[in-house]
Amino acid sequence: MELADYRREYLQGGLRRKDLPDNPLSLFETWMQQAIAAKLADPTAMVVGTVDERGQPFQRIVLLKHTDERGFVFYTNMGSRKASQLAGNPRISLLFPWHTLERQVHVTGQVERLSAMEVMKYFSSRPKDSQIGAWVSHQSSRISARGLLEAKFLEMKQKFASGEVPLPSFWGGFRVKFDTVEFWQGGANRLHDRFLYQREGNGWAIDRLAP
């Protein structure tokens, strides 16, 4: 089959203006809970888009760790490519691709770095091996072989065997202060439902977009 010939109908349901809450976070949290209840693989996975100094876009999948009225939170090595790009340009986009539910959520905004207390609180909650893994990888740097990572992991695991793993100075996180949130629900005959929330004063303007 040619790729251009592959298609399917989206028939799981629609999204209507009368059913939308005033605040996009309410609908996002409902959809996230439904994605978790549906037992989707990695429901918190989101595509994070950044731009480098040449205007070249980059995307990668990162796990969402918290959300509230202040924004969407994720953690990373602060020496990583995405962190370096966000230091130069704090504009960011997030995409939650819940294909099984025929849904997408697209978020745009700007990032701010999390406080040391917020980072420490989350780091302390991670499994010990994950804490050690943060020490091992200088994310996005070039390495010659996987064996180097594995050897470093064993070395660090032995080093911290009898005590707590300290927070690496190069590890932190970002909060995405969102300006727009778009909800996409698949529809029959390609008549998908799309609604865009955009900040307007202290509230939100809501517009239906053509599919």
N, C-alpha and C. Protein backbone atom coordinates (compact mmCIF):
# COMPACT_ATOMS: atom_id res chain seq x y z
N MET A 1 0.84 -1.20 0.00
CA MET A 1 0.00 0.00 0.00
C MET A 1 0.88 1.25 0.00
N GLU A 2 0.52 2.21 -0.84
CA GLU A 2 1.21 3.49 -0.83
C GLU A 2 0.83 4.26 0.44
N LEU A 3 1.79 4.99 0.98
CA LEU A 3 1.51 5.76 2.19
C LEU A 3 0.35 6.73 1.97
N ALA A 4 0.27 7.30 0.77
CA ALA A 4 -0.79 8.26 0.48
C ALA A 4 -2.17 7.62 0.49
N ASP A 5 -2.21 6.28 0.37
CA ASP A 5 -3.49 5.58 0.35
C ASP A 5 -3.96 5.15 1.74
N TYR A 6 -3.08 5.31 2.73
CA TYR A 6 -3.45 4.84 4.06
C TYR A 6 -4.27 5.91 4.77
N ARG A 7 -5.44 5.53 5.23
CA ARG A 7 -6.30 6.45 5.97
C ARG A 7 -7.32 5.66 6.78
N ARG A 8 -7.91 6.30 7.75
CA ARG A 8 -8.98 5.69 8.53
C ARG A 8 -9.94 6.79 8.95
N GLU A 9 -11.13 6.38 9.33
CA GLU A 9 -12.12 7.35 9.80
C GLU A 9 -11.97 7.55 11.31
N TYR A 10 -12.24 8.77 11.74
CA TYR A 10 -12.23 9.10 13.16
C TYR A 10 -13.67 9.18 13.64
N LEU A 11 -14.07 8.20 14.47
CA LEU A 11 -15.49 8.06 14.80
C LEU A 11 -15.78 8.00 16.29
N GLN A 12 -14.80 8.35 17.13
CA GLN A 12 -15.00 8.17 18.56
C GLN A 12 -15.85 9.26 19.22
N GLY A 13 -16.08 10.35 18.52
CA GLY A 13 -16.91 11.37 19.13
C GLY A 13 -16.48 12.76 18.72
N GLY A 14 -17.30 13.75 19.08
CA GLY A 14 -17.01 15.12 18.72
C GLY A 14 -16.76 15.99 19.93
N LEU A 15 -16.49 17.26 19.65
CA LEU A 15 -16.26 18.25 20.69
C LEU A 15 -17.07 19.49 20.32
N ARG A 16 -17.94 19.94 21.20
CA ARG A 16 -18.84 21.04 20.89
C ARG A 16 -18.56 22.23 21.80
N ARG A 17 -18.81 23.42 21.27
CA ARG A 17 -18.52 24.64 22.02
C ARG A 17 -19.25 24.69 23.35
N LYS A 18 -20.47 24.21 23.41
CA LYS A 18 -21.26 24.26 24.64
C LYS A 18 -20.68 23.40 25.75
N ASP A 19 -19.83 22.45 25.37
CA ASP A 19 -19.25 21.54 26.36
C ASP A 19 -17.90 22.02 26.88
N LEU A 20 -17.40 23.16 26.39
CA LEU A 20 -16.08 23.62 26.77
C LEU A 20 -16.13 24.43 28.08
N PRO A 21 -15.20 24.16 29.01
CA PRO A 21 -15.11 24.98 30.22
C PRO A 21 -14.48 26.33 29.89
N ASP A 22 -14.58 27.29 30.78
CA ASP A 22 -13.99 28.60 30.54
C ASP A 22 -12.48 28.57 30.55
N ASN A 23 -11.90 27.64 31.31
CA ASN A 23 -10.45 27.56 31.46
C ASN A 23 -9.93 26.30 30.76
N PRO A 24 -8.92 26.41 29.90
CA PRO A 24 -8.43 25.23 29.18
C PRO A 24 -7.83 24.17 30.08
N LEU A 25 -7.31 24.58 31.24
CA LEU A 25 -6.69 23.60 32.13
C LEU A 25 -7.70 22.57 32.62
N SER A 26 -8.94 22.98 32.79
CA SER A 26 -9.99 22.05 33.24
C SER A 26 -10.20 20.94 32.21
N LEU A 27 -10.28 21.33 30.93
CA LEU A 27 -10.47 20.33 29.89
C LEU A 27 -9.22 19.48 29.73
N PHE A 28 -8.04 20.10 29.82
CA PHE A 28 -6.80 19.32 29.71
C PHE A 28 -6.73 18.26 30.79
N GLU A 29 -7.05 18.62 32.01
CA GLU A 29 -6.97 17.66 33.11
C GLU A 29 -7.99 16.53 32.93
N THR A 30 -9.17 16.85 32.40
CA THR A 30 -10.16 15.81 32.11
C THR A 30 -9.63 14.86 31.05
N TRP A 31 -9.09 15.41 29.97
CA TRP A 31 -8.56 14.57 28.90
C TRP A 31 -7.37 13.74 29.38
N MET A 32 -6.52 14.32 30.21
CA MET A 32 -5.38 13.57 30.74
C MET A 32 -5.86 12.39 31.58
N GLN A 33 -6.84 12.60 32.44
CA GLN A 33 -7.37 11.51 33.27
C GLN A 33 -8.01 10.44 32.40
N GLN A 34 -8.66 10.83 31.32
CA GLN A 34 -9.25 9.86 30.41
C GLN A 34 -8.17 9.08 29.66
N ALA A 35 -7.07 9.74 29.32
CA ALA A 35 -5.96 9.05 28.66
C ALA A 35 -5.33 8.02 29.61
N ILE A 36 -5.21 8.39 30.88
CA ILE A 36 -4.68 7.45 31.88
C ILE A 36 -5.64 6.29 32.08
N ALA A 37 -6.94 6.60 32.19
CA ALA A 37 -7.95 5.54 32.41
C ALA A 37 -8.01 4.59 31.23
N ALA A 38 -7.73 5.10 30.02
CA ALA A 38 -7.75 4.26 28.82
C ALA A 38 -6.50 3.40 28.71
N LYS A 39 -5.58 3.57 29.67
CA LYS A 39 -4.33 2.80 29.72
C LYS A 39 -3.48 3.00 28.46
N LEU A 40 -3.44 4.25 28.00
CA LEU A 40 -2.54 4.55 26.88
C LEU A 40 -1.10 4.39 27.33
N ALA A 41 -0.25 3.98 26.42
CA ALA A 41 1.17 3.92 26.72
C ALA A 41 1.70 5.34 26.87
N ASP A 42 2.31 5.62 28.00
CA ASP A 42 2.91 6.94 28.26
C ASP A 42 1.94 8.10 28.00
N PRO A 43 0.84 8.16 28.72
CA PRO A 43 -0.12 9.25 28.49
C PRO A 43 0.45 10.62 28.80
N THR A 44 1.49 10.70 29.63
CA THR A 44 2.09 11.99 29.97
C THR A 44 3.18 12.41 28.99
N ALA A 45 3.44 11.60 27.97
CA ALA A 45 4.47 11.93 26.98
C ALA A 45 4.01 13.09 26.10
N MET A 46 4.89 14.04 25.90
CA MET A 46 4.57 15.21 25.07
C MET A 46 5.76 15.52 24.17
N VAL A 47 5.46 15.98 22.98
CA VAL A 47 6.50 16.42 22.05
C VAL A 47 6.85 17.86 22.40
N VAL A 48 8.10 18.11 22.71
CA VAL A 48 8.56 19.45 23.09
C VAL A 48 9.32 20.06 21.92
N GLY A 49 8.85 21.20 21.45
CA GLY A 49 9.46 21.89 20.32
C GLY A 49 10.20 23.13 20.77
N THR A 50 11.48 23.26 20.32
CA THR A 50 12.29 24.44 20.61
C THR A 50 12.95 24.89 19.30
N VAL A 51 13.60 26.04 19.34
CA VAL A 51 14.26 26.59 18.16
C VAL A 51 15.66 27.04 18.55
N ASP A 52 16.67 26.72 17.71
CA ASP A 52 18.03 27.14 18.03
C ASP A 52 18.32 28.54 17.49
N GLU A 53 19.56 28.97 17.63
CA GLU A 53 19.93 30.34 17.26
C GLU A 53 19.86 30.59 15.76
N ARG A 54 19.82 29.53 14.96
CA ARG A 54 19.71 29.67 13.50
C ARG A 54 18.27 29.63 13.02
N GLY A 55 17.34 29.44 13.97
CA GLY A 55 15.94 29.31 13.60
C GLY A 55 15.55 27.89 13.25
N GLN A 56 16.43 26.92 13.50
CA GLN A 56 16.15 25.51 13.21
C GLN A 56 15.30 24.90 14.31
N PRO A 57 14.10 24.40 14.00
CA PRO A 57 13.26 23.77 15.02
C PRO A 57 13.81 22.39 15.41
N PHE A 58 13.60 22.02 16.66
CA PHE A 58 13.94 20.69 17.16
C PHE A 58 12.75 20.18 17.96
N GLN A 59 12.55 18.86 17.93
CA GLN A 59 11.48 18.24 18.70
C GLN A 59 12.00 16.98 19.37
N ARG A 60 11.45 16.68 20.53
CA ARG A 60 11.77 15.45 21.22
C ARG A 60 10.64 15.14 22.20
N ILE A 61 10.56 13.90 22.66
CA ILE A 61 9.50 13.52 23.58
C ILE A 61 10.01 13.59 25.01
N VAL A 62 9.25 14.27 25.86
CA VAL A 62 9.57 14.47 27.27
C VAL A 62 8.31 14.14 28.07
N LEU A 63 8.49 13.73 29.32
CA LEU A 63 7.33 13.40 30.16
C LEU A 63 6.89 14.60 30.99
N LEU A 64 5.60 14.90 30.94
CA LEU A 64 5.01 15.93 31.79
C LEU A 64 4.98 15.42 33.22
N LYS A 65 5.41 16.27 34.17
CA LYS A 65 5.47 15.83 35.57
C LYS A 65 4.49 16.55 36.47
N HIS A 66 3.97 17.68 36.05
CA HIS A 66 3.01 18.40 36.88
C HIS A 66 2.34 19.47 36.04
N THR A 67 1.10 19.79 36.38
CA THR A 67 0.42 20.90 35.72
C THR A 67 -0.52 21.57 36.70
N ASP A 68 -0.57 22.89 36.63
CA ASP A 68 -1.53 23.68 37.42
C ASP A 68 -1.69 25.02 36.71
N GLU A 69 -2.34 25.96 37.36
CA GLU A 69 -2.62 27.25 36.72
C GLU A 69 -1.35 28.00 36.33
N ARG A 70 -0.24 27.66 36.97
CA ARG A 70 1.02 28.35 36.66
C ARG A 70 1.69 27.79 35.41
N GLY A 71 1.38 26.55 35.04
CA GLY A 71 1.96 26.01 33.82
C GLY A 71 2.19 24.51 33.84
N PHE A 72 2.89 24.04 32.80
CA PHE A 72 3.22 22.63 32.59
C PHE A 72 4.69 22.43 32.97
N VAL A 73 4.98 21.42 33.77
CA VAL A 73 6.32 21.25 34.33
C VAL A 73 7.00 20.00 33.78
N PHE A 74 8.28 20.16 33.39
CA PHE A 74 9.10 19.00 33.05
C PHE A 74 10.52 19.25 33.53
N TYR A 75 11.30 18.17 33.62
CA TYR A 75 12.66 18.23 34.16
C TYR A 75 13.66 17.75 33.11
N THR A 76 14.90 18.23 33.23
CA THR A 76 15.91 17.89 32.23
C THR A 76 17.30 18.23 32.74
N ASN A 77 18.30 17.75 32.04
CA ASN A 77 19.69 18.17 32.25
C ASN A 77 19.81 19.59 31.69
N MET A 78 20.30 20.52 32.49
CA MET A 78 20.35 21.91 32.06
C MET A 78 21.48 22.17 31.06
N GLY A 79 22.28 21.15 30.78
CA GLY A 79 23.28 21.26 29.74
C GLY A 79 22.83 20.62 28.44
N SER A 80 21.57 20.14 28.39
CA SER A 80 21.05 19.47 27.20
C SER A 80 20.80 20.47 26.08
N ARG A 81 20.58 19.93 24.89
CA ARG A 81 20.32 20.79 23.74
C ARG A 81 19.05 21.62 23.93
N LYS A 82 17.99 20.99 24.44
CA LYS A 82 16.75 21.74 24.61
C LYS A 82 16.90 22.86 25.64
N ALA A 83 17.64 22.57 26.75
CA ALA A 83 17.84 23.60 27.76
C ALA A 83 18.67 24.75 27.22
N SER A 84 19.68 24.44 26.42
CA SER A 84 20.51 25.49 25.83
C SER A 84 19.69 26.34 24.87
N GLN A 85 18.84 25.69 24.08
CA GLN A 85 18.00 26.44 23.14
C GLN A 85 16.99 27.31 23.87
N LEU A 86 16.42 26.80 24.95
CA LEU A 86 15.45 27.58 25.72
C LEU A 86 16.12 28.76 26.44
N ALA A 87 17.40 28.64 26.75
CA ALA A 87 18.12 29.76 27.36
C ALA A 87 18.24 30.91 26.37
N GLY A 88 18.37 30.57 25.08
CA GLY A 88 18.47 31.60 24.06
C GLY A 88 17.13 32.09 23.55
N ASN A 89 16.13 31.23 23.59
CA ASN A 89 14.78 31.57 23.13
C ASN A 89 13.79 30.80 23.99
N PRO A 90 13.13 31.47 24.93
CA PRO A 90 12.25 30.78 25.88
C PRO A 90 10.91 30.34 25.31
N ARG A 91 10.63 30.67 24.04
CA ARG A 91 9.38 30.24 23.43
C ARG A 91 9.40 28.73 23.20
N ILE A 92 8.26 28.08 23.45
CA ILE A 92 8.20 26.62 23.39
C ILE A 92 6.83 26.17 22.94
N SER A 93 6.77 24.97 22.38
CA SER A 93 5.47 24.35 22.08
C SER A 93 5.47 22.93 22.64
N LEU A 94 4.29 22.47 23.04
CA LEU A 94 4.09 21.11 23.55
C LEU A 94 2.97 20.47 22.74
N LEU A 95 3.10 19.18 22.46
CA LEU A 95 2.04 18.46 21.76
C LEU A 95 1.81 17.13 22.45
N PHE A 96 0.57 16.88 22.85
CA PHE A 96 0.18 15.60 23.45
C PHE A 96 -0.56 14.79 22.36
N PRO A 97 0.06 13.73 21.83
CA PRO A 97 -0.52 12.98 20.71
C PRO A 97 -1.28 11.73 21.17
N TRP A 98 -2.49 11.92 21.62
CA TRP A 98 -3.28 10.80 22.12
C TRP A 98 -4.05 10.15 20.96
N HIS A 99 -3.31 9.47 20.09
CA HIS A 99 -3.89 8.93 18.85
C HIS A 99 -5.03 7.95 19.10
N THR A 100 -4.86 7.08 20.11
CA THR A 100 -5.87 6.06 20.37
C THR A 100 -7.22 6.67 20.68
N LEU A 101 -7.22 7.82 21.33
CA LEU A 101 -8.47 8.52 21.65
C LEU A 101 -8.86 9.53 20.57
N GLU A 102 -8.07 9.54 19.48
CA GLU A 102 -8.31 10.47 18.37
C GLU A 102 -8.30 11.91 18.86
N ARG A 103 -7.28 12.21 19.69
CA ARG A 103 -7.17 13.54 20.28
C ARG A 103 -5.72 14.04 20.21
N GLN A 104 -5.61 15.35 20.15
CA GLN A 104 -4.34 16.03 20.31
C GLN A 104 -4.57 17.29 21.15
N VAL A 105 -3.55 17.66 21.92
CA VAL A 105 -3.57 18.96 22.60
C VAL A 105 -2.25 19.66 22.27
N HIS A 106 -2.34 20.90 21.79
CA HIS A 106 -1.16 21.68 21.43
C HIS A 106 -1.09 22.91 22.32
N VAL A 107 0.06 23.13 22.93
CA VAL A 107 0.27 24.22 23.88
C VAL A 107 1.42 25.09 23.40
N THR A 108 1.28 26.41 23.49
CA THR A 108 2.41 27.31 23.25
C THR A 108 2.57 28.24 24.44
N GLY A 109 3.80 28.71 24.64
CA GLY A 109 4.06 29.62 25.74
C GLY A 109 5.53 29.90 25.90
N GLN A 110 5.91 30.32 27.08
CA GLN A 110 7.31 30.60 27.40
C GLN A 110 7.68 29.85 28.66
N VAL A 111 8.97 29.51 28.77
CA VAL A 111 9.42 28.76 29.94
C VAL A 111 10.05 29.68 30.98
N GLU A 112 9.99 29.23 32.22
CA GLU A 112 10.78 29.80 33.29
C GLU A 112 11.41 28.64 34.05
N ARG A 113 12.62 28.86 34.57
CA ARG A 113 13.28 27.80 35.31
C ARG A 113 12.62 27.59 36.66
N LEU A 114 12.57 26.35 37.08
CA LEU A 114 12.01 26.02 38.39
C LEU A 114 12.99 26.41 39.49
N SER A 115 12.46 26.65 40.66
CA SER A 115 13.30 26.98 41.80
C SER A 115 14.07 25.74 42.25
N ALA A 116 15.17 25.98 42.97
CA ALA A 116 15.97 24.88 43.49
C ALA A 116 15.14 23.98 44.41
N MET A 117 14.23 24.58 45.16
CA MET A 117 13.39 23.80 46.07
C MET A 117 12.45 22.87 45.30
N GLU A 118 11.86 23.39 44.21
CA GLU A 118 10.96 22.56 43.40
C GLU A 118 11.72 21.40 42.77
N VAL A 119 12.92 21.69 42.27
CA VAL A 119 13.73 20.66 41.62
C VAL A 119 14.15 19.60 42.64
N MET A 120 14.59 20.04 43.81
CA MET A 120 15.03 19.10 44.84
C MET A 120 13.89 18.20 45.30
N LYS A 121 12.71 18.79 45.45
CA LYS A 121 11.56 18.01 45.90
C LYS A 121 11.24 16.89 44.91
N TYR A 122 11.27 17.20 43.61
CA TYR A 122 10.98 16.16 42.62
C TYR A 122 12.12 15.15 42.54
N PHE A 123 13.37 15.64 42.52
CA PHE A 123 14.51 14.73 42.41
C PHE A 123 14.51 13.71 43.54
N SER A 124 14.16 14.16 44.73
CA SER A 124 14.14 13.27 45.89
C SER A 124 13.07 12.19 45.78
N SER A 125 12.04 12.44 44.97
CA SER A 125 10.95 11.48 44.81
C SER A 125 11.26 10.40 43.77
N ARG A 126 12.30 10.60 43.00
CA ARG A 126 12.63 9.63 41.93
C ARG A 126 13.24 8.36 42.51
N PRO A 127 13.08 7.22 41.81
CA PRO A 127 13.78 6.01 42.24
C PRO A 127 15.29 6.25 42.23
N LYS A 128 16.00 5.56 43.10
CA LYS A 128 17.44 5.81 43.26
C LYS A 128 18.20 5.59 41.96
N ASP A 129 17.85 4.56 41.20
CA ASP A 129 18.56 4.32 39.94
C ASP A 129 18.35 5.46 38.95
N SER A 130 17.16 6.07 38.97
CA SER A 130 16.91 7.22 38.10
C SER A 130 17.72 8.42 38.55
N GLN A 131 17.89 8.59 39.86
CA GLN A 131 18.73 9.66 40.37
C GLN A 131 20.17 9.47 39.91
N ILE A 132 20.64 8.25 39.98
CA ILE A 132 22.01 7.97 39.54
C ILE A 132 22.15 8.19 38.05
N GLY A 133 21.11 7.81 37.29
CA GLY A 133 21.14 8.02 35.85
C GLY A 133 21.30 9.48 35.48
N ALA A 134 20.74 10.37 36.30
CA ALA A 134 20.89 11.81 36.04
C ALA A 134 22.34 12.24 36.16
N TRP A 135 23.08 11.62 37.06
CA TRP A 135 24.50 11.93 37.21
C TRP A 135 25.34 11.42 36.05
N VAL A 136 24.92 10.30 35.48
CA VAL A 136 25.74 9.60 34.49
C VAL A 136 25.74 10.29 33.13
N SER A 137 24.59 10.76 32.69
CA SER A 137 24.46 11.25 31.31
C SER A 137 24.62 12.76 31.20
N HIS A 138 25.60 13.18 30.42
CA HIS A 138 25.71 14.59 30.02
C HIS A 138 24.88 14.73 28.75
N GLN A 139 23.60 14.91 28.93
CA GLN A 139 22.62 14.79 27.85
C GLN A 139 22.98 15.61 26.62
N SER A 140 22.83 14.99 25.46
CA SER A 140 23.06 15.56 24.13
C SER A 140 24.53 15.64 23.75
N SER A 141 25.45 15.30 24.67
CA SER A 141 26.87 15.30 24.30
C SER A 141 27.20 14.02 23.53
N ARG A 142 28.25 14.07 22.70
CA ARG A 142 28.65 12.91 21.90
C ARG A 142 29.41 11.90 22.76
N ILE A 143 29.07 10.61 22.58
CA ILE A 143 29.78 9.54 23.28
C ILE A 143 30.19 8.49 22.26
N SER A 144 31.25 7.76 22.56
CA SER A 144 31.78 6.80 21.59
C SER A 144 31.13 5.43 21.68
N ALA A 145 30.60 5.06 22.85
CA ALA A 145 30.00 3.73 23.00
C ALA A 145 29.07 3.70 24.21
N ARG A 146 28.05 2.84 24.13
CA ARG A 146 27.11 2.68 25.24
C ARG A 146 27.81 2.16 26.49
N GLY A 147 28.85 1.35 26.27
CA GLY A 147 29.58 0.77 27.40
C GLY A 147 30.10 1.81 28.37
N LEU A 148 30.43 2.99 27.86
CA LEU A 148 30.91 4.06 28.72
C LEU A 148 29.82 4.49 29.70
N LEU A 149 28.59 4.58 29.21
CA LEU A 149 27.47 4.95 30.08
C LEU A 149 27.24 3.88 31.14
N GLU A 150 27.28 2.62 30.71
CA GLU A 150 27.01 1.53 31.64
C GLU A 150 28.08 1.44 32.72
N ALA A 151 29.34 1.66 32.31
CA ALA A 151 30.44 1.62 33.28
C ALA A 151 30.32 2.77 34.27
N LYS A 152 29.97 3.94 33.76
CA LYS A 152 29.81 5.11 34.64
C LYS A 152 28.65 4.90 35.60
N PHE A 153 27.57 4.26 35.12
CA PHE A 153 26.42 4.00 35.99
C PHE A 153 26.82 3.09 37.14
N LEU A 154 27.55 2.02 36.84
CA LEU A 154 27.98 1.09 37.89
C LEU A 154 28.91 1.78 38.88
N GLU A 155 29.78 2.65 38.35
CA GLU A 155 30.70 3.39 39.22
C GLU A 155 29.93 4.30 40.19
N MET A 156 28.94 5.03 39.65
CA MET A 156 28.17 5.95 40.48
C MET A 156 27.26 5.18 41.44
N LYS A 157 26.77 4.04 41.00
CA LYS A 157 25.90 3.24 41.87
C LYS A 157 26.68 2.75 43.08
N GLN A 158 27.93 2.39 42.86
CA GLN A 158 28.78 1.96 43.97
C GLN A 158 29.11 3.15 44.88
N LYS A 159 29.35 4.30 44.28
CA LYS A 159 29.69 5.49 45.05
C LYS A 159 28.58 5.90 46.01
N PHE A 160 27.33 5.79 45.53
CA PHE A 160 26.18 6.22 46.34
C PHE A 160 25.45 5.06 47.00
N ALA A 161 26.09 3.89 47.07
CA ALA A 161 25.42 2.68 47.56
C ALA A 161 24.92 2.83 48.99
N SER A 162 25.67 3.52 49.82
CA SER A 162 25.32 3.56 51.24
C SER A 162 24.68 4.86 51.70
N GLY A 163 24.34 5.72 50.74
CA GLY A 163 23.75 6.99 51.15
C GLY A 163 22.82 7.56 50.11
N GLU A 164 22.33 8.77 50.38
CA GLU A 164 21.43 9.44 49.44
C GLU A 164 22.20 9.95 48.24
N VAL A 165 21.50 10.06 47.14
CA VAL A 165 22.09 10.60 45.92
C VAL A 165 21.86 12.11 45.91
N PRO A 166 22.92 12.91 45.88
CA PRO A 166 22.72 14.37 45.89
C PRO A 166 22.20 14.87 44.55
N LEU A 167 21.57 16.02 44.58
CA LEU A 167 21.06 16.64 43.36
C LEU A 167 22.23 17.17 42.53
N PRO A 168 22.36 16.75 41.27
CA PRO A 168 23.43 17.29 40.42
C PRO A 168 23.22 18.78 40.17
N SER A 169 24.29 19.54 40.15
CA SER A 169 24.19 20.98 39.94
C SER A 169 23.67 21.31 38.55
N PHE A 170 23.83 20.36 37.61
CA PHE A 170 23.44 20.60 36.22
C PHE A 170 22.04 20.08 35.89
N TRP A 171 21.29 19.68 36.89
CA TRP A 171 19.97 19.09 36.65
C TRP A 171 18.89 20.03 37.18
N GLY A 172 17.83 20.24 36.38
CA GLY A 172 16.78 21.16 36.81
C GLY A 172 15.50 20.94 36.04
N GLY A 173 14.71 22.00 35.92
CA GLY A 173 13.43 21.85 35.24
C GLY A 173 12.88 23.17 34.77
N PHE A 174 11.79 23.08 34.00
CA PHE A 174 11.14 24.25 33.44
C PHE A 174 9.64 24.20 33.71
N ARG A 175 9.07 25.38 33.83
CA ARG A 175 7.61 25.52 33.85
C ARG A 175 7.21 26.26 32.58
N VAL A 176 6.29 25.69 31.82
CA VAL A 176 5.79 26.32 30.60
C VAL A 176 4.58 27.17 30.96
N LYS A 177 4.75 28.48 30.92
CA LYS A 177 3.65 29.41 31.17
C LYS A 177 2.87 29.55 29.86
N PHE A 178 1.70 28.94 29.82
CA PHE A 178 1.01 28.76 28.53
C PHE A 178 0.18 29.98 28.13
N ASP A 179 0.27 30.30 26.84
CA ASP A 179 -0.49 31.41 26.25
C ASP A 179 -1.66 30.91 25.41
N THR A 180 -1.47 29.76 24.75
CA THR A 180 -2.54 29.17 23.95
C THR A 180 -2.61 27.67 24.22
N VAL A 181 -3.81 27.13 24.15
CA VAL A 181 -4.02 25.68 24.25
C VAL A 181 -5.06 25.30 23.19
N GLU A 182 -4.69 24.41 22.30
CA GLU A 182 -5.63 23.97 21.25
C GLU A 182 -6.00 22.51 21.46
N PHE A 183 -7.29 22.24 21.42
CA PHE A 183 -7.80 20.87 21.56
C PHE A 183 -8.31 20.39 20.21
N TRP A 184 -7.87 19.20 19.82
CA TRP A 184 -8.25 18.59 18.53
C TRP A 184 -8.91 17.25 18.80
N GLN A 185 -10.12 17.09 18.29
CA GLN A 185 -10.85 15.82 18.40
C GLN A 185 -11.21 15.36 17.01
N GLY A 186 -10.78 14.14 16.66
CA GLY A 186 -11.05 13.62 15.32
C GLY A 186 -12.53 13.51 15.04
N GLY A 187 -12.91 13.72 13.78
CA GLY A 187 -14.31 13.64 13.38
C GLY A 187 -14.47 12.90 12.07
N ALA A 188 -15.67 12.40 11.82
CA ALA A 188 -15.96 11.67 10.58
C ALA A 188 -15.81 12.58 9.37
N ASN A 189 -15.42 11.98 8.24
CA ASN A 189 -15.27 12.70 6.98
C ASN A 189 -14.26 13.84 7.06
N ARG A 190 -13.30 13.68 7.96
CA ARG A 190 -12.25 14.69 8.16
C ARG A 190 -12.80 16.03 8.68
N LEU A 191 -13.98 16.02 9.23
CA LEU A 191 -14.55 17.23 9.82
C LEU A 191 -14.21 17.24 11.31
N HIS A 192 -12.91 17.39 11.57
CA HIS A 192 -12.42 17.35 12.94
C HIS A 192 -12.86 18.59 13.72
N ASP A 193 -12.93 18.46 15.03
CA ASP A 193 -13.26 19.59 15.90
C ASP A 193 -11.98 20.14 16.50
N ARG A 194 -11.76 21.44 16.32
CA ARG A 194 -10.58 22.13 16.87
C ARG A 194 -11.03 23.39 17.58
N PHE A 195 -10.58 23.54 18.82
CA PHE A 195 -10.88 24.76 19.58
C PHE A 195 -9.59 25.33 20.15
N LEU A 196 -9.40 26.62 19.95
CA LEU A 196 -8.21 27.31 20.42
C LEU A 196 -8.56 28.24 21.57
N TYR A 197 -7.91 28.02 22.71
CA TYR A 197 -7.98 28.95 23.84
C TYR A 197 -6.79 29.89 23.76
N GLN A 198 -7.04 31.19 23.85
CA GLN A 198 -5.96 32.18 23.81
C GLN A 198 -6.17 33.19 24.94
N ARG A 199 -5.09 33.48 25.66
CA ARG A 199 -5.22 34.41 26.79
C ARG A 199 -5.74 35.76 26.32
N GLU A 200 -6.69 36.29 27.09
CA GLU A 200 -7.28 37.60 26.80
C GLU A 200 -7.56 38.28 28.13
N GLY A 201 -6.68 39.20 28.53
CA GLY A 201 -6.82 39.82 29.85
C GLY A 201 -6.64 38.77 30.93
N ASN A 202 -7.61 38.72 31.85
CA ASN A 202 -7.55 37.73 32.92
C ASN A 202 -8.29 36.44 32.58
N GLY A 203 -8.81 36.36 31.37
CA GLY A 203 -9.57 35.18 30.96
C GLY A 203 -9.04 34.57 29.67
N TRP A 204 -9.95 33.88 28.97
CA TRP A 204 -9.56 33.17 27.77
C TRP A 204 -10.58 33.42 26.65
N ALA A 205 -10.07 33.72 25.46
CA ALA A 205 -10.91 33.75 24.27
C ALA A 205 -10.92 32.36 23.67
N ILE A 206 -12.08 31.91 23.21
CA ILE A 206 -12.19 30.57 22.63
C ILE A 206 -12.70 30.68 21.19
N ASP A 207 -11.97 30.09 20.26
CA ASP A 207 -12.37 30.11 18.86
C ASP A 207 -12.36 28.71 18.29
N ARG A 208 -13.37 28.42 17.46
CA ARG A 208 -13.36 27.18 16.70
C ARG A 208 -12.50 27.39 15.46
N LEU A 209 -11.63 26.42 15.15
CA LEU A 209 -10.79 26.48 13.97
C LEU A 209 -11.27 25.48 12.93
N ALA A 210 -11.11 25.83 11.68
CA ALA A 210 -11.44 24.88 10.62
C ALA A 210 -10.48 23.70 10.69
N PRO A 211 -10.96 22.48 10.40
CA PRO A 211 -10.09 21.32 10.49
C PRO A 211 -9.03 21.29 9.39
